[in-house]
Amino acid sequence: MSLIREREYIIPVVKNAFMRPRIVAFIPAHNEERSIRDCLEGLADQDLPPSLELDIIVIADKCTDRTAEIALRAGEELNLNIMILHTENNKQRKVGALNAAWKSLYGDLLAIHQHEMTPYQTIYNKSVKAILGMDADSHLAPNALMHLWNGLTSARNIGGVMAKYTMRMPKKMSTLSPDDPYYEEKVKSGTYGNPITRWWTHQQKQDMTSWLLSMQYKGGSTYVLGGQGTLFRPEALQDVVNRNNLDAPWQDDSDVEDMLLTWQLQKAKWKTLISPSARCFVDAMKSYHTFRQQRNKWTSGTLDLMTNRELHVHTTHLSKLWASELRKLLDLSTRVLLLLLLSVALITDQFSWNWLWVIPILIASMLNLVLALKTPMRRPIDLFYAVTLVSAEIYLWANLMTFVQVWIDKWSRNKKDGWNNQYEAEKGTTRSKLFEAICLTILIASATIALSVYYRTFLTSTTIVVAIAPYMQIGWRVLTYLTIFVTILMIHQLWTLRRGHTA
């Protein structure tokens, strides 16, 4: 991989020269002309500690748009020190882009011709006290960088501190006038969304709230330093390079390169934390299809790390990750069993309501309400969605479908490219089969109801009822035990949420 620096800074080197300490931001950007300025505006709003400077490296990764041009212009207008790196023949996508920025500072260990660093490069590298990894569509809230810096420098053994992520809510389409000359451009930018898009965004935001709170209740330690906004200690990244004989910190051995790096940092005894104060605004997946592809990549990559012994990585959160997988299996089992038993009971005329079933429903409603209340920048309608449980149930089924798909793919011989699938989905070159799945479900349900009505006399006969009664009793008993266990877990989560942490 060859690197071309957009513009060079020739600074005279003086013996025993001193350079101010600095943070260097790595921003990989592939065709991000619509979002790169907003990302840079967030960095321009940051307050820095006294005598600390900020340099920004925008990695234009095989861009075919005006990303580099817009970034340079924004740097001049916002008074930011921006350098542009262009990647060539980068086949590692985001990983290759981040590593390109790293090598531009610390050299390429794979280069055939080794070049010694100039005195200026040596002084500059010593001045780099932190590296900020950001996505081009992320936006740091005011003072976020100061909070990240304070967290990173609070102890020598902290290798990285991540900001708390909050999904940005699209604006209402009704606020956008059709007569606006930039109407089409604004719609394509993703800034505006319809009610379904806004609902989908809130569900992801509330999901992130639940995850962030669970991490903070465990002392703030995290098993993934997300690439959207994390401040790293350069010595920690260099430690990962040396311990694993790498040419740069990030690896493409996993679809979740940020999680792999986090586990390697933890293996090297570096702490990885979530900042209790720094916030980073990120874009949510705007459709079910893009959401599924993103979650497939995240979940399959996490599962690969959990089961891959060749990488020799481990996290202190491994038991928590396996518990999360078992919880998904438990949620799936209870719902499938409930649907099966309820259908058979209705078909054979054996259904009878029990008011005890209201207890887990009420507890689930309370839990979702508390999570909604703790979700930043919530809307009144979000509280209604939380109490009624319909939204939470739909979102849960979307995640359970991902859970099933990932485990099926786990045992498949064909390895899927999670990065490419997500990228193609976001470009709109692939589409979801959700509509076909809904139509098939309605067709099967309609056929089942029709057959049940047609053969009602036979299905409700004493012979059929007596024959299936033992199996129904066993099924209801198993479902009761599973529901009691799930209810206990929800009560425990509610008890945990009483603490004062915020997302």
Protein backbone atom coordinates (compact mmCIF):
# COMPACT_ATOMS: atom_id res chain seq x y z
CA MET A 1 0.00 0.00 0.00
CA SER A 2 1.46 3.32 -1.02
CA LEU A 3 0.59 6.59 0.61
CA ILE A 4 0.48 10.06 -0.91
CA ARG A 5 0.41 13.05 1.41
CA GLU A 6 -1.84 15.80 0.08
CA ARG A 7 0.41 18.57 1.30
CA GLU A 8 3.76 18.54 2.99
CA TYR A 9 4.88 20.76 5.84
CA ILE A 10 8.56 21.63 5.65
CA ILE A 11 9.63 22.90 9.04
CA PRO A 12 13.26 23.68 9.91
CA VAL A 13 14.65 21.35 12.54
CA VAL A 14 16.61 22.84 15.40
CA LYS A 15 18.79 20.73 17.66
CA ASN A 16 17.13 19.93 21.01
CA ALA A 17 13.89 21.44 19.66
CA PHE A 18 10.68 21.13 21.64
CA MET A 19 7.26 20.52 20.14
CA ARG A 20 3.96 20.95 21.91
CA PRO A 21 2.13 17.76 22.91
CA ARG A 22 -0.71 16.90 20.57
CA ILE A 23 -3.63 14.65 19.77
CA VAL A 24 -3.74 13.23 16.27
CA ALA A 25 -7.14 12.26 14.86
CA PHE A 26 -7.44 9.43 12.33
CA ILE A 27 -10.59 9.78 10.21
CA PRO A 28 -11.01 7.07 7.54
CA ALA A 29 -13.35 8.32 4.83
CA HIS A 30 -14.64 6.47 1.78
CA ASN A 31 -16.85 8.76 -0.31
CA GLU A 32 -17.99 10.80 2.70
CA GLU A 33 -18.47 14.18 1.02
CA ARG A 34 -21.90 14.57 2.66
CA SER A 35 -20.73 14.01 6.23
CA ILE A 36 -17.03 14.91 6.50
CA ARG A 37 -17.61 18.62 7.14
CA ASP A 38 -20.04 17.90 10.00
CA CYS A 39 -17.43 15.60 11.54
CA LEU A 40 -14.76 18.31 11.29
CA GLU A 41 -17.11 20.95 12.69
CA GLY A 42 -17.48 18.78 15.79
CA LEU A 43 -13.69 18.73 16.19
CA ALA A 44 -13.50 22.50 15.68
CA ASP A 45 -15.89 22.96 18.62
CA GLN A 46 -13.64 21.08 21.03
CA ASP A 47 -11.77 22.73 23.89
CA LEU A 48 -8.25 21.42 24.40
CA PRO A 49 -6.12 21.41 27.55
CA PRO A 50 -3.55 24.22 27.72
CA SER A 51 -0.55 23.74 25.38
CA LEU A 52 -2.19 20.76 23.66
CA GLU A 53 -2.68 20.84 19.90
CA LEU A 54 -4.91 18.85 17.55
CA ASP A 55 -3.82 17.50 14.18
CA ILE A 56 -6.28 15.74 11.90
CA ILE A 57 -5.47 13.13 9.28
CA VAL A 58 -8.35 12.45 6.90
CA ILE A 59 -7.67 9.20 5.06
CA ALA A 60 -9.36 9.47 1.67
CA ASP A 61 -9.77 5.75 1.04
CA LYS A 62 -10.28 5.17 -2.69
CA CYS A 63 -12.65 8.12 -2.86
CA THR A 64 -14.36 8.92 -6.13
CA ASP A 65 -16.12 12.03 -4.81
CA ARG A 66 -15.06 15.38 -3.31
CA THR A 67 -14.27 14.13 0.22
CA ALA A 68 -10.66 15.36 0.20
CA GLU A 69 -11.54 18.72 -1.33
CA ILE A 70 -14.34 19.39 1.15
CA ALA A 71 -12.15 18.32 4.08
CA LEU A 72 -9.33 20.68 3.10
CA ARG A 73 -11.73 23.57 2.55
CA ALA A 74 -13.39 22.90 5.93
CA GLY A 75 -9.97 22.84 7.58
CA GLU A 76 -9.14 26.28 6.24
CA GLU A 77 -12.53 27.74 7.18
CA LEU A 78 -12.58 26.16 10.64
CA ASN A 79 -8.89 26.85 11.35
CA LEU A 80 -8.03 23.17 11.71
CA ASN A 81 -4.69 21.57 10.98
CA ILE A 82 -5.74 18.95 8.44
CA MET A 83 -3.64 16.58 6.36
CA ILE A 84 -5.06 14.32 3.65
CA LEU A 85 -3.79 10.81 2.96
CA HIS A 86 -4.86 8.96 -0.16
CA THR A 87 -4.73 5.17 -0.12
CA GLU A 88 -3.89 3.14 -3.19
CA ASN A 89 -4.69 -0.54 -3.69
CA ASN A 90 -6.17 -0.74 -0.22
CA LYS A 91 -8.02 -4.06 0.03
CA GLN A 92 -8.53 -3.91 3.81
CA ARG A 93 -11.14 -1.11 3.77
CA LYS A 94 -11.33 0.72 7.11
CA VAL A 95 -8.53 -1.36 8.62
CA GLY A 96 -6.20 -0.48 5.76
CA ALA A 97 -7.11 3.19 5.98
CA LEU A 98 -6.39 3.37 9.73
CA ASN A 99 -3.14 1.50 9.30
CA ALA A 100 -2.15 3.89 6.52
CA ALA A 101 -2.45 6.80 8.93
CA TRP A 102 -0.46 4.91 11.56
CA LYS A 103 2.34 4.13 9.09
CA SER A 104 2.45 7.75 7.96
CA LEU A 105 3.55 8.58 11.51
CA TYR A 106 5.51 5.58 12.69
CA GLY A 107 6.78 4.09 9.45
CA ASP A 108 5.92 1.02 7.39
CA LEU A 109 7.58 -2.09 8.79
CA LEU A 110 6.73 -3.97 5.60
CA ALA A 111 8.47 -1.49 3.31
CA ILE A 112 11.25 -3.07 1.26
CA HIS A 113 13.44 0.01 1.56
CA GLN A 114 13.66 1.14 5.14
CA HIS A 115 13.83 4.90 5.61
CA GLU A 116 15.12 6.41 8.81
CA MET A 117 12.94 9.06 10.34
CA THR A 118 14.01 12.65 9.97
CA PRO A 119 14.76 14.62 13.13
CA TYR A 120 11.46 16.43 12.66
CA GLN A 121 9.52 13.15 12.43
CA THR A 122 11.20 11.88 15.58
CA ILE A 123 10.31 15.02 17.52
CA TYR A 124 6.79 15.02 16.11
CA ASN A 125 6.14 11.38 17.06
CA LYS A 126 7.31 12.03 20.59
CA SER A 127 4.84 14.90 20.82
CA VAL A 128 1.87 12.64 19.95
CA LYS A 129 0.26 11.86 23.31
CA ALA A 130 -3.04 10.41 22.07
CA ILE A 131 -4.64 9.14 18.88
CA LEU A 132 -8.32 9.79 18.25
CA GLY A 133 -10.08 7.24 16.06
CA MET A 134 -13.25 8.59 14.46
CA ASP A 135 -15.66 7.70 11.69
CA ALA A 136 -16.31 10.36 9.06
CA ASP A 137 -20.02 10.38 9.90
CA SER A 138 -19.50 10.87 13.66
CA HIS A 139 -19.79 14.16 15.55
CA LEU A 140 -18.18 14.81 18.93
CA ALA A 141 -20.31 16.77 21.38
CA PRO A 142 -18.74 19.91 22.90
CA ASN A 143 -16.03 19.14 25.49
CA ALA A 144 -16.05 15.46 24.53
CA LEU A 145 -12.37 15.46 23.60
CA MET A 146 -11.48 17.10 26.92
CA HIS A 147 -13.41 14.40 28.79
CA LEU A 148 -11.71 11.66 26.77
CA TRP A 149 -8.30 13.20 27.45
CA ASN A 150 -8.95 13.46 31.18
CA GLY A 151 -10.04 9.82 31.24
CA LEU A 152 -7.03 8.60 29.26
CA THR A 153 -4.52 10.53 31.39
CA SER A 154 -6.09 9.63 34.73
CA ALA A 155 -3.93 6.49 35.02
CA ARG A 156 -0.86 5.10 33.26
CA ASN A 157 -2.44 1.73 32.43
CA ILE A 158 -5.42 3.06 30.47
CA GLY A 159 -5.02 2.14 26.82
CA GLY A 160 -8.19 3.63 25.39
CA VAL A 161 -11.31 5.57 26.37
CA MET A 162 -14.49 5.52 24.29
CA ALA A 163 -17.18 8.17 24.12
CA LYS A 164 -20.80 7.29 24.80
CA TYR A 165 -22.61 6.90 21.49
CA THR A 166 -26.00 8.41 20.78
CA MET A 167 -27.84 7.90 17.48
CA ARG A 168 -28.89 11.12 15.78
CA MET A 169 -32.62 11.41 15.23
CA PRO A 170 -33.53 12.35 11.62
CA LYS A 171 -35.56 15.51 11.25
CA LYS A 172 -39.22 15.25 10.30
CA MET A 173 -39.89 15.19 6.59
CA SER A 174 -42.81 17.54 7.22
CA THR A 175 -40.34 20.32 8.12
CA LEU A 176 -38.77 20.09 4.66
CA SER A 177 -40.56 22.14 2.02
CA PRO A 178 -41.02 20.49 -1.40
CA ASP A 179 -40.24 23.90 -2.89
CA ASP A 180 -36.77 23.90 -1.33
CA PRO A 181 -34.28 24.00 -4.24
CA TYR A 182 -32.07 21.58 -2.29
CA TYR A 183 -34.95 19.21 -1.49
CA GLU A 184 -33.53 16.12 -3.21
CA GLU A 185 -30.04 16.74 -1.89
CA LYS A 186 -31.29 17.10 1.69
CA VAL A 187 -33.37 13.91 1.43
CA LYS A 188 -30.37 11.94 0.14
CA SER A 189 -28.18 13.30 2.94
CA GLY A 190 -30.10 11.25 5.51
CA THR A 191 -30.75 14.28 7.67
CA TYR A 192 -34.51 13.84 7.24
CA GLY A 193 -36.61 10.74 7.78
CA ASN A 194 -40.18 9.48 7.75
CA PRO A 195 -41.96 8.23 10.92
CA ILE A 196 -40.72 4.67 10.41
CA THR A 197 -37.13 5.84 10.03
CA ARG A 198 -37.41 7.95 13.17
CA TRP A 199 -38.99 5.08 15.09
CA TRP A 200 -36.25 2.71 13.93
CA THR A 201 -33.59 5.20 14.99
CA HIS A 202 -35.03 5.51 18.50
CA GLN A 203 -35.07 1.73 18.94
CA GLN A 204 -31.37 1.57 18.10
CA LYS A 205 -30.69 4.51 20.41
CA GLN A 206 -32.51 2.82 23.28
CA ASP A 207 -30.66 -0.41 22.57
CA MET A 208 -27.38 1.51 22.79
CA THR A 209 -28.58 3.04 26.08
CA SER A 210 -29.14 -0.41 27.55
CA TRP A 211 -25.68 -1.55 26.48
CA LEU A 212 -23.90 1.57 27.74
CA LEU A 213 -25.61 1.36 31.13
CA SER A 214 -24.72 -2.32 31.50
CA MET A 215 -21.05 -1.47 30.86
CA GLN A 216 -21.04 1.45 33.29
CA TYR A 217 -22.59 -0.69 36.02
CA LYS A 218 -19.55 -2.98 35.65
CA GLY A 219 -17.11 -0.17 36.42
CA GLY A 220 -16.98 1.40 32.96
CA SER A 221 -14.84 -1.31 31.42
CA THR A 222 -15.81 -2.27 27.88
CA TYR A 223 -15.06 -5.19 25.57
CA VAL A 224 -15.13 -2.94 22.49
CA LEU A 225 -13.65 0.50 21.93
CA GLY A 226 -15.90 1.60 19.09
CA GLY A 227 -14.25 3.19 16.09
CA GLN A 228 -16.78 6.06 15.98
CA GLY A 229 -15.01 7.98 18.75
CA THR A 230 -12.20 6.53 20.88
CA LEU A 231 -9.03 8.10 22.25
CA PHE A 232 -6.04 5.73 22.35
CA ARG A 233 -2.70 5.90 24.10
CA PRO A 234 -0.01 5.53 21.39
CA GLU A 235 2.17 3.38 23.65
CA ALA A 236 -0.71 0.93 24.05
CA LEU A 237 -1.21 0.65 20.30
CA GLN A 238 2.52 0.20 19.79
CA ASP A 239 2.46 -2.50 22.48
CA VAL A 240 -0.18 -4.39 20.47
CA VAL A 241 1.98 -4.08 17.34
CA ASN A 242 5.07 -5.43 19.11
CA ARG A 243 3.36 -8.25 21.01
CA ASN A 244 1.57 -9.59 17.94
CA ASN A 245 4.31 -8.96 15.36
CA LEU A 246 2.06 -6.65 13.36
CA ASP A 247 2.94 -3.84 10.97
CA ALA A 248 0.14 -1.66 12.42
CA PRO A 249 -2.41 -1.95 15.28
CA TRP A 250 -5.58 -2.75 13.32
CA GLN A 251 -6.19 -6.19 11.79
CA ASP A 252 -8.67 -7.46 9.23
CA ASP A 253 -8.76 -10.96 10.74
CA SER A 254 -12.21 -10.08 12.07
CA ASP A 255 -15.25 -8.14 10.85
CA VAL A 256 -15.11 -6.29 14.18
CA GLU A 257 -11.60 -4.87 14.01
CA ASP A 258 -12.27 -2.47 16.88
CA MET A 259 -13.28 -5.32 19.18
CA LEU A 260 -10.23 -7.40 18.21
CA LEU A 261 -7.97 -4.46 19.02
CA THR A 262 -9.73 -3.97 22.36
CA TRP A 263 -9.21 -7.60 23.33
CA GLN A 264 -5.54 -7.37 22.38
CA LEU A 265 -5.18 -4.29 24.55
CA GLN A 266 -6.80 -6.10 27.47
CA LYS A 267 -4.53 -9.11 26.92
CA ALA A 268 -1.57 -6.74 27.22
CA LYS A 269 -2.99 -5.49 30.57
CA TRP A 270 -4.23 -2.15 29.27
CA LYS A 271 -7.56 -0.91 30.57
CA THR A 272 -10.32 -0.12 28.06
CA LEU A 273 -12.99 2.21 29.41
CA ILE A 274 -16.14 4.13 28.53
CA SER A 275 -16.06 7.82 29.42
CA PRO A 276 -18.91 8.75 31.77
CA SER A 277 -19.08 12.27 30.28
CA ALA A 278 -17.90 12.33 26.64
CA ARG A 279 -20.59 11.93 24.01
CA CYS A 280 -20.35 11.18 20.31
CA PHE A 281 -23.29 11.45 17.94
CA VAL A 282 -23.43 8.74 15.29
CA ASP A 283 -25.78 7.83 12.46
CA ALA A 284 -28.21 4.97 12.92
CA MET A 285 -29.17 2.49 10.25
CA LYS A 286 -32.14 4.03 8.51
CA SER A 287 -33.80 0.83 7.24
CA TYR A 288 -34.38 -2.74 8.32
CA HIS A 289 -32.11 -4.04 5.56
CA THR A 290 -29.09 -1.89 6.50
CA PHE A 291 -29.73 -2.63 10.17
CA ARG A 292 -29.72 -6.39 9.54
CA GLN A 293 -26.49 -6.24 7.54
CA GLN A 294 -24.79 -4.13 10.20
CA ARG A 295 -25.94 -6.38 13.03
CA ASN A 296 -25.00 -9.50 11.07
CA LYS A 297 -21.47 -8.11 10.75
CA TRP A 298 -21.25 -7.12 14.40
CA THR A 299 -22.75 -10.32 15.78
CA SER A 300 -20.91 -12.72 13.50
CA GLY A 301 -17.63 -10.91 14.12
CA THR A 302 -18.16 -11.07 17.88
CA LEU A 303 -19.04 -14.75 17.72
CA ASP A 304 -15.93 -15.46 15.66
CA LEU A 305 -13.76 -13.78 18.28
CA MET A 306 -15.48 -15.73 21.06
CA THR A 307 -14.82 -19.06 19.34
CA ASN A 308 -11.59 -18.40 17.41
CA ARG A 309 -8.64 -19.92 19.26
CA GLU A 310 -6.10 -19.10 16.56
CA LEU A 311 -6.11 -15.40 17.41
CA HIS A 312 -5.25 -16.11 21.06
CA VAL A 313 -7.29 -13.20 22.37
CA HIS A 314 -9.49 -13.06 25.43
CA THR A 315 -11.61 -10.50 27.23
CA THR A 316 -12.68 -10.24 30.83
CA HIS A 317 -16.21 -9.80 29.46
CA LEU A 318 -16.30 -13.20 27.77
CA SER A 319 -18.76 -14.66 30.27
CA LYS A 320 -21.01 -11.62 29.75
CA LEU A 321 -20.94 -12.14 25.99
CA TRP A 322 -21.89 -15.81 26.32
CA ALA A 323 -24.62 -14.85 28.78
CA SER A 324 -25.95 -12.45 26.14
CA GLU A 325 -26.08 -15.25 23.58
CA LEU A 326 -27.90 -17.50 26.05
CA ARG A 327 -30.36 -14.68 26.79
CA LYS A 328 -31.15 -14.40 23.08
CA LEU A 329 -31.69 -18.15 22.93
CA LEU A 330 -33.95 -17.90 25.97
CA ASP A 331 -35.98 -15.06 24.44
CA LEU A 332 -36.32 -16.98 21.19
CA SER A 333 -37.31 -20.22 22.93
CA THR A 334 -40.01 -18.61 25.09
CA ARG A 335 -41.58 -16.83 22.13
CA VAL A 336 -41.54 -19.81 19.79
CA LEU A 337 -42.91 -22.06 22.51
CA LEU A 338 -45.61 -19.54 23.40
CA LEU A 339 -46.72 -19.17 19.78
CA LEU A 340 -46.79 -22.94 19.31
CA LEU A 341 -48.71 -23.69 22.52
CA LEU A 342 -51.10 -20.78 22.06
CA SER A 343 -51.88 -21.82 18.48
CA VAL A 344 -52.55 -25.44 19.41
CA ALA A 345 -54.65 -24.40 22.44
CA LEU A 346 -56.82 -22.11 20.31
CA ILE A 347 -57.19 -24.64 17.51
CA THR A 348 -58.25 -27.43 19.89
CA ASP A 349 -60.38 -25.11 22.03
CA GLN A 350 -58.28 -25.60 25.19
CA PHE A 351 -57.20 -22.03 25.83
CA SER A 352 -58.00 -20.38 29.17
CA TRP A 353 -56.69 -17.03 30.41
CA ASN A 354 -54.64 -16.77 33.59
CA TRP A 355 -54.19 -13.35 35.20
CA LEU A 356 -50.75 -14.35 36.46
CA TRP A 357 -49.55 -13.88 32.87
CA VAL A 358 -49.93 -10.13 33.36
CA ILE A 359 -46.99 -10.01 35.80
CA PRO A 360 -44.13 -10.51 33.29
CA ILE A 361 -45.90 -8.18 30.84
CA LEU A 362 -46.08 -5.39 33.44
CA ILE A 363 -42.46 -5.87 34.48
CA ALA A 364 -41.33 -5.79 30.85
CA SER A 365 -43.33 -2.60 30.35
CA MET A 366 -41.70 -1.00 33.41
CA LEU A 367 -38.25 -2.04 32.23
CA ASN A 368 -38.74 -0.55 28.78
CA LEU A 369 -40.14 2.64 30.28
CA VAL A 370 -37.11 3.08 32.54
CA LEU A 371 -34.76 2.50 29.59
CA ALA A 372 -36.71 5.00 27.52
CA LEU A 373 -36.47 7.56 30.35
CA LYS A 374 -32.70 7.05 30.51
CA THR A 375 -32.30 7.39 26.73
CA PRO A 376 -30.84 10.80 25.80
CA MET A 377 -32.98 13.21 23.79
CA ARG A 378 -36.09 11.06 23.96
CA ARG A 379 -39.47 12.12 22.58
CA PRO A 380 -42.83 11.83 24.45
CA ILE A 381 -43.97 9.32 21.83
CA ASP A 382 -41.00 7.12 22.72
CA LEU A 383 -42.33 6.69 26.25
CA PHE A 384 -45.66 5.55 24.83
CA TYR A 385 -43.91 3.07 22.56
CA ALA A 386 -41.97 1.74 25.55
CA VAL A 387 -45.04 1.19 27.76
CA THR A 388 -47.07 -0.57 25.07
CA LEU A 389 -44.19 -3.04 24.36
CA VAL A 390 -45.14 -3.36 20.69
CA SER A 391 -42.06 -1.49 19.47
CA ALA A 392 -39.74 -3.36 21.81
CA GLU A 393 -41.16 -6.69 20.66
CA ILE A 394 -40.76 -5.87 16.96
CA TYR A 395 -37.18 -4.72 17.55
CA LEU A 396 -36.45 -7.83 19.60
CA TRP A 397 -37.69 -10.08 16.80
CA ALA A 398 -35.41 -8.25 14.36
CA ASN A 399 -32.44 -9.02 16.63
CA LEU A 400 -33.56 -12.62 17.14
CA MET A 401 -33.68 -13.12 13.39
CA THR A 402 -30.09 -11.86 13.23
CA PHE A 403 -29.16 -14.23 16.06
CA VAL A 404 -30.57 -17.22 14.16
CA GLN A 405 -28.95 -16.15 10.88
CA VAL A 406 -25.53 -15.69 12.46
CA TRP A 407 -25.55 -19.11 14.11
CA ILE A 408 -26.69 -20.74 10.85
CA ASP A 409 -23.85 -18.99 9.01
CA LYS A 410 -21.46 -20.05 11.77
CA TRP A 411 -21.86 -23.67 10.74
CA SER A 412 -21.90 -22.86 7.03
CA ARG A 413 -18.86 -23.45 4.89
CA ASN A 414 -19.36 -20.21 2.97
CA LYS A 415 -17.77 -17.26 4.75
CA LYS A 416 -19.69 -14.02 4.17
CA ASP A 417 -18.02 -10.64 3.78
CA GLY A 418 -19.77 -8.61 6.46
CA TRP A 419 -18.12 -5.33 5.48
CA ASN A 420 -19.11 -5.68 1.83
CA ASN A 421 -22.68 -6.75 2.64
CA GLN A 422 -23.19 -3.72 4.89
CA TYR A 423 -21.60 -1.36 2.37
CA GLU A 424 -23.74 -2.66 -0.50
CA ALA A 425 -26.86 -2.37 1.65
CA GLU A 426 -26.08 1.25 2.55
CA LYS A 427 -25.47 2.05 -1.13
CA GLY A 428 -28.84 0.56 -1.99
CA THR A 429 -27.47 -2.04 -4.41
CA THR A 430 -29.06 -4.87 -2.41
CA ARG A 431 -32.50 -5.10 -0.92
CA SER A 432 -34.24 -6.83 1.96
CA LYS A 433 -36.59 -9.77 1.62
CA LEU A 434 -38.69 -8.50 4.51
CA PHE A 435 -41.75 -7.89 2.35
CA GLU A 436 -41.65 -11.44 1.00
CA ALA A 437 -41.18 -12.80 4.53
CA ILE A 438 -44.17 -10.83 5.83
CA CYS A 439 -46.34 -12.03 2.93
CA LEU A 440 -45.28 -15.64 3.53
CA THR A 441 -46.06 -15.33 7.25
CA ILE A 442 -49.51 -13.89 6.54
CA LEU A 443 -50.15 -16.65 3.99
CA ILE A 444 -49.17 -19.41 6.44
CA ALA A 445 -51.24 -17.83 9.25
CA SER A 446 -54.26 -17.44 6.97
CA ALA A 447 -53.99 -21.03 5.75
CA THR A 448 -53.69 -22.30 9.33
CA ILE A 449 -56.78 -20.36 10.42
CA ALA A 450 -58.77 -21.53 7.42
CA LEU A 451 -57.86 -25.18 7.97
CA SER A 452 -58.59 -24.86 11.70
CA VAL A 453 -62.08 -23.54 10.99
CA TYR A 454 -62.75 -26.16 8.31
CA TYR A 455 -61.63 -29.09 10.50
CA ARG A 456 -62.80 -27.57 13.79
CA THR A 457 -65.07 -30.50 14.69
CA PHE A 458 -62.25 -32.99 14.28
CA LEU A 459 -59.61 -30.85 16.02
CA THR A 460 -61.82 -30.22 19.05
CA SER A 461 -62.93 -33.84 19.39
CA THR A 462 -62.26 -35.73 22.60
CA THR A 463 -59.84 -38.08 20.85
CA ILE A 464 -57.54 -35.24 19.69
CA VAL A 465 -57.79 -33.32 22.97
CA VAL A 466 -56.93 -36.37 25.09
CA ALA A 467 -54.08 -37.35 22.76
CA ILE A 468 -52.28 -34.00 22.92
CA ALA A 469 -53.12 -33.11 26.54
CA PRO A 470 -49.94 -34.63 28.09
CA TYR A 471 -47.71 -32.81 25.61
CA MET A 472 -49.55 -29.56 26.19
CA GLN A 473 -49.12 -29.88 29.96
CA ILE A 474 -45.38 -30.46 29.59
CA GLY A 475 -45.08 -27.53 27.17
CA TRP A 476 -46.97 -25.10 29.43
CA ARG A 477 -44.93 -26.23 32.42
CA VAL A 478 -41.64 -25.65 30.58
CA LEU A 479 -42.86 -22.26 29.35
CA THR A 480 -43.86 -21.32 32.92
CA TYR A 481 -40.38 -22.09 34.25
CA LEU A 482 -38.72 -20.18 31.41
CA THR A 483 -41.01 -17.19 31.93
CA ILE A 484 -40.30 -17.13 35.67
CA PHE A 485 -36.57 -17.14 34.93
CA VAL A 486 -36.90 -14.32 32.37
CA THR A 487 -39.01 -12.33 34.84
CA ILE A 488 -36.31 -12.68 37.51
CA LEU A 489 -33.73 -11.40 35.02
CA MET A 490 -35.91 -8.39 34.21
CA ILE A 491 -36.40 -7.61 37.91
CA HIS A 492 -32.63 -7.78 38.41
CA GLN A 493 -32.11 -5.40 35.49
CA LEU A 494 -34.70 -3.02 36.90
CA TRP A 495 -32.96 -3.09 40.28
CA THR A 496 -29.65 -2.33 38.56
CA LEU A 497 -31.10 0.59 36.63
CA ARG A 498 -31.95 2.40 39.89
CA ARG A 499 -28.35 3.66 39.98
CA GLY A 500 -27.54 7.18 38.83
CA HIS A 501 -25.58 6.34 35.69
CA THR A 502 -26.71 7.99 32.46
CA ALA A 503 -26.35 6.95 28.85
